[in-house]
Amino acid sequence: MADIKILIEIQHFEGCPNSSEMIKRVKKAIGQIPFDVNYQEILVETSELAQRLKFRGSPTVLINGVDLENMPEPQESDLACRYYKNGLPSVTQIKEFITDKLKEEE
């Protein structure tokens, strides 16, 4: 497992009420995983950047480029808050998704 690379990326913008909570949960989940991950926060500040990133809304968590809820890339992107139909994923759900992604990479 030492050579498996995991990149966790949070795309968000300031002003979205769920961003800081999602960032906290992802960091806590990372802290419970017994291996190193690369972590990035990307502040999406313009519509142009949202389009370039194929932004799914704030906050979006990508693990090796795969959306936490497997939401496909949108045709059109803009600065918008993201709606999670079951609420924000819990620390446990985030950790399980990372762990499952690791198993796929093995």
C-alpha atoms as a PDB file:
ATOM      1  CA  MET A   1       0.000   0.000   0.000  1.00  0.00           C
ATOM      2  CA  ALA A   2       2.980   2.305   0.383  1.00  0.00           C
ATOM      3  CA  ASP A   3       3.070   3.225  -3.302  1.00  0.00           C
ATOM      4  CA  ILE A   4      -0.655   3.910  -3.646  1.00  0.00           C
ATOM      5  CA  LYS A   5      -1.318   7.585  -4.071  1.00  0.00           C
ATOM      6  CA  ILE A   6      -4.460   9.199  -2.732  1.00  0.00           C
ATOM      7  CA  LEU A   7      -5.331  12.806  -3.513  1.00  0.00           C
ATOM      8  CA  ILE A   8      -8.213  14.328  -1.606  1.00  0.00           C
ATOM      9  CA  GLU A   9      -9.352  17.622  -3.029  1.00  0.00           C
ATOM     10  CA  ILE A  10     -12.007  19.938  -1.632  1.00  0.00           C
ATOM     11  CA  GLN A  11     -13.381  22.504  -4.043  1.00  0.00           C
ATOM     12  CA  HIS A  12     -15.344  25.301  -2.383  1.00  0.00           C
ATOM     13  CA  PHE A  13     -15.975  28.996  -2.245  1.00  0.00           C
ATOM     14  CA  GLU A  14     -16.319  31.401   0.633  1.00  0.00           C
ATOM     15  CA  GLY A  15     -19.866  32.123   1.675  1.00  0.00           C
ATOM     16  CA  CYS A  16     -21.263  28.626   1.242  1.00  0.00           C
ATOM     17  CA  PRO A  17     -22.490  27.542   4.691  1.00  0.00           C
ATOM     18  CA  ASN A  18     -21.438  23.875   4.395  1.00  0.00           C
ATOM     19  CA  SER A  19     -17.850  24.411   3.255  1.00  0.00           C
ATOM     20  CA  SER A  20     -16.151  24.832   6.627  1.00  0.00           C
ATOM     21  CA  GLU A  21     -18.025  21.870   8.133  1.00  0.00           C
ATOM     22  CA  MET A  22     -17.102  19.625   5.195  1.00  0.00           C
ATOM     23  CA  ILE A  23     -13.455  20.674   5.447  1.00  0.00           C
ATOM     24  CA  LYS A  24     -13.493  19.818   9.178  1.00  0.00           C
ATOM     25  CA  ARG A  25     -15.041  16.406   8.517  1.00  0.00           C
ATOM     26  CA  VAL A  26     -12.617  15.530   5.727  1.00  0.00           C
ATOM     27  CA  LYS A  27      -9.604  16.517   7.848  1.00  0.00           C
ATOM     28  CA  LYS A  28     -10.932  14.432  10.736  1.00  0.00           C
ATOM     29  CA  ALA A  29     -11.459  11.439   8.408  1.00  0.00           C
ATOM     30  CA  ILE A  30      -7.920  11.819   7.045  1.00  0.00           C
ATOM     31  CA  GLY A  31      -6.619  11.835  10.626  1.00  0.00           C
ATOM     32  CA  GLN A  32      -8.252   8.436  11.212  1.00  0.00           C
ATOM     33  CA  ILE A  33      -6.604   6.797   8.194  1.00  0.00           C
ATOM     34  CA  PRO A  34      -3.262   5.082   8.885  1.00  0.00           C
ATOM     35  CA  PHE A  35      -1.479   6.241   5.722  1.00  0.00           C
ATOM     36  CA  ASP A  36      -0.459   9.451   4.042  1.00  0.00           C
ATOM     37  CA  VAL A  37      -2.758  11.265   1.671  1.00  0.00           C
ATOM     38  CA  ASN A  38      -2.225  14.374  -0.379  1.00  0.00           C
ATOM     39  CA  TYR A  39      -4.785  16.996   0.616  1.00  0.00           C
ATOM     40  CA  GLN A  40      -5.721  20.122  -1.301  1.00  0.00           C
ATOM     41  CA  GLU A  41      -8.278  22.846  -0.848  1.00  0.00           C
ATOM     42  CA  ILE A  42      -9.189  24.715  -3.997  1.00  0.00           C
ATOM     43  CA  LEU A  43     -10.930  28.035  -3.563  1.00  0.00           C
ATOM     44  CA  VAL A  44     -13.219  28.505  -6.554  1.00  0.00           C
ATOM     45  CA  GLU A  45     -13.553  32.267  -6.847  1.00  0.00           C
ATOM     46  CA  THR A  46     -14.700  32.826 -10.433  1.00  0.00           C
ATOM     47  CA  SER A  47     -17.190  31.392 -12.889  1.00  0.00           C
ATOM     48  CA  GLU A  48     -14.278  30.780 -15.269  1.00  0.00           C
ATOM     49  CA  LEU A  49     -12.494  28.594 -12.718  1.00  0.00           C
ATOM     50  CA  ALA A  50     -15.754  26.794 -11.938  1.00  0.00           C
ATOM     51  CA  GLN A  51     -16.120  25.968 -15.648  1.00  0.00           C
ATOM     52  CA  ARG A  52     -12.495  24.845 -15.977  1.00  0.00           C
ATOM     53  CA  LEU A  53     -12.796  22.546 -12.923  1.00  0.00           C
ATOM     54  CA  LYS A  54     -16.261  21.283 -13.946  1.00  0.00           C
ATOM     55  CA  PHE A  55     -17.289  22.401 -10.474  1.00  0.00           C
ATOM     56  CA  ARG A  56     -20.160  20.433  -8.962  1.00  0.00           C
ATOM     57  CA  GLY A  57     -20.888  23.022  -6.280  1.00  0.00           C
ATOM     58  CA  SER A  58     -19.490  24.008  -2.928  1.00  0.00           C
ATOM     59  CA  PRO A  59     -18.270  21.971  -1.162  1.00  0.00           C
ATOM     60  CA  THR A  60     -17.201  19.151  -3.472  1.00  0.00           C
ATOM     61  CA  VAL A  61     -14.870  16.385  -2.291  1.00  0.00           C
ATOM     62  CA  LEU A  62     -12.895  14.492  -4.925  1.00  0.00           C
ATOM     63  CA  ILE A  63     -10.802  11.434  -4.134  1.00  0.00           C
ATOM     64  CA  ASN A  64      -8.378  10.732  -6.956  1.00  0.00           C
ATOM     65  CA  GLY A  65     -10.701  12.797  -9.135  1.00  0.00           C
ATOM     66  CA  VAL A  66     -13.837  10.813  -8.208  1.00  0.00           C
ATOM     67  CA  ASP A  67     -16.689  12.685  -6.559  1.00  0.00           C
ATOM     68  CA  LEU A  68     -17.549  11.542  -3.031  1.00  0.00           C
ATOM     69  CA  GLU A  69     -21.137  10.828  -4.123  1.00  0.00           C
ATOM     70  CA  ASN A  70     -20.175   9.802  -7.678  1.00  0.00           C
ATOM     71  CA  MET A  71     -21.859  12.899  -9.093  1.00  0.00           C
ATOM     72  CA  PRO A  72     -20.867  13.210 -12.763  1.00  0.00           C
ATOM     73  CA  GLU A  73     -19.159  16.302 -14.105  1.00  0.00           C
ATOM     74  CA  PRO A  74     -21.744  18.881 -15.152  1.00  0.00           C
ATOM     75  CA  GLN A  75     -22.007  20.282 -18.673  1.00  0.00           C
ATOM     76  CA  GLU A  76     -22.178  23.814 -17.267  1.00  0.00           C
ATOM     77  CA  SER A  77     -20.617  24.950 -13.990  1.00  0.00           C
ATOM     78  CA  ASP A  78     -20.943  28.078 -11.932  1.00  0.00           C
ATOM     79  CA  LEU A  79     -20.542  29.276  -8.373  1.00  0.00           C
ATOM     80  CA  ALA A  80     -23.296  27.534  -6.436  1.00  0.00           C
ATOM     81  CA  CYS A  81     -23.677  25.809  -3.108  1.00  0.00           C
ATOM     82  CA  ARG A  82     -23.963  22.055  -3.368  1.00  0.00           C
ATOM     83  CA  TYR A  83     -26.982  20.188  -2.091  1.00  0.00           C
ATOM     84  CA  TYR A  84     -26.428  16.796  -0.437  1.00  0.00           C
ATOM     85  CA  LYS A  85     -29.776  15.002  -0.425  1.00  0.00           C
ATOM     86  CA  ASN A  86     -28.933  13.053   2.762  1.00  0.00           C
ATOM     87  CA  GLY A  87     -27.072  15.942   4.370  1.00  0.00           C
ATOM     88  CA  LEU A  88     -23.320  16.344   4.485  1.00  0.00           C
ATOM     89  CA  PRO A  89     -21.477  13.021   4.573  1.00  0.00           C
ATOM     90  CA  SER A  90     -20.331  12.057   8.061  1.00  0.00           C
ATOM     91  CA  VAL A  91     -16.693  11.552   9.018  1.00  0.00           C
ATOM     92  CA  THR A  92     -17.341   7.779   8.944  1.00  0.00           C
ATOM     93  CA  GLN A  93     -18.853   7.935   5.436  1.00  0.00           C
ATOM     94  CA  ILE A  94     -15.925  10.005   4.158  1.00  0.00           C
ATOM     95  CA  LYS A  95     -13.430   7.600   5.732  1.00  0.00           C
ATOM     96  CA  GLU A  96     -15.239   4.594   4.183  1.00  0.00           C
ATOM     97  CA  PHE A  97     -15.216   6.208   0.750  1.00  0.00           C
ATOM     98  CA  ILE A  98     -11.452   6.859   1.011  1.00  0.00           C
ATOM     99  CA  THR A  99     -10.853   3.285   2.201  1.00  0.00           C
ATOM    100  CA  ASP A 100     -12.988   1.852  -0.623  1.00  0.00           C
ATOM    101  CA  LYS A 101     -11.084   3.974  -3.135  1.00  0.00           C
ATOM    102  CA  LEU A 102      -7.822   2.599  -1.744  1.00  0.00           C
ATOM    103  CA  LYS A 103      -9.009  -0.980  -2.225  1.00  0.00           C
ATOM    104  CA  GLU A 104      -9.852  -0.221  -5.859  1.00  0.00           C
ATOM    105  CA  GLU A 105      -6.346   1.161  -6.397  1.00  0.00           C
ATOM    106  CA  GLU A 106      -4.578  -1.934  -4.966  1.00  0.00           C
END
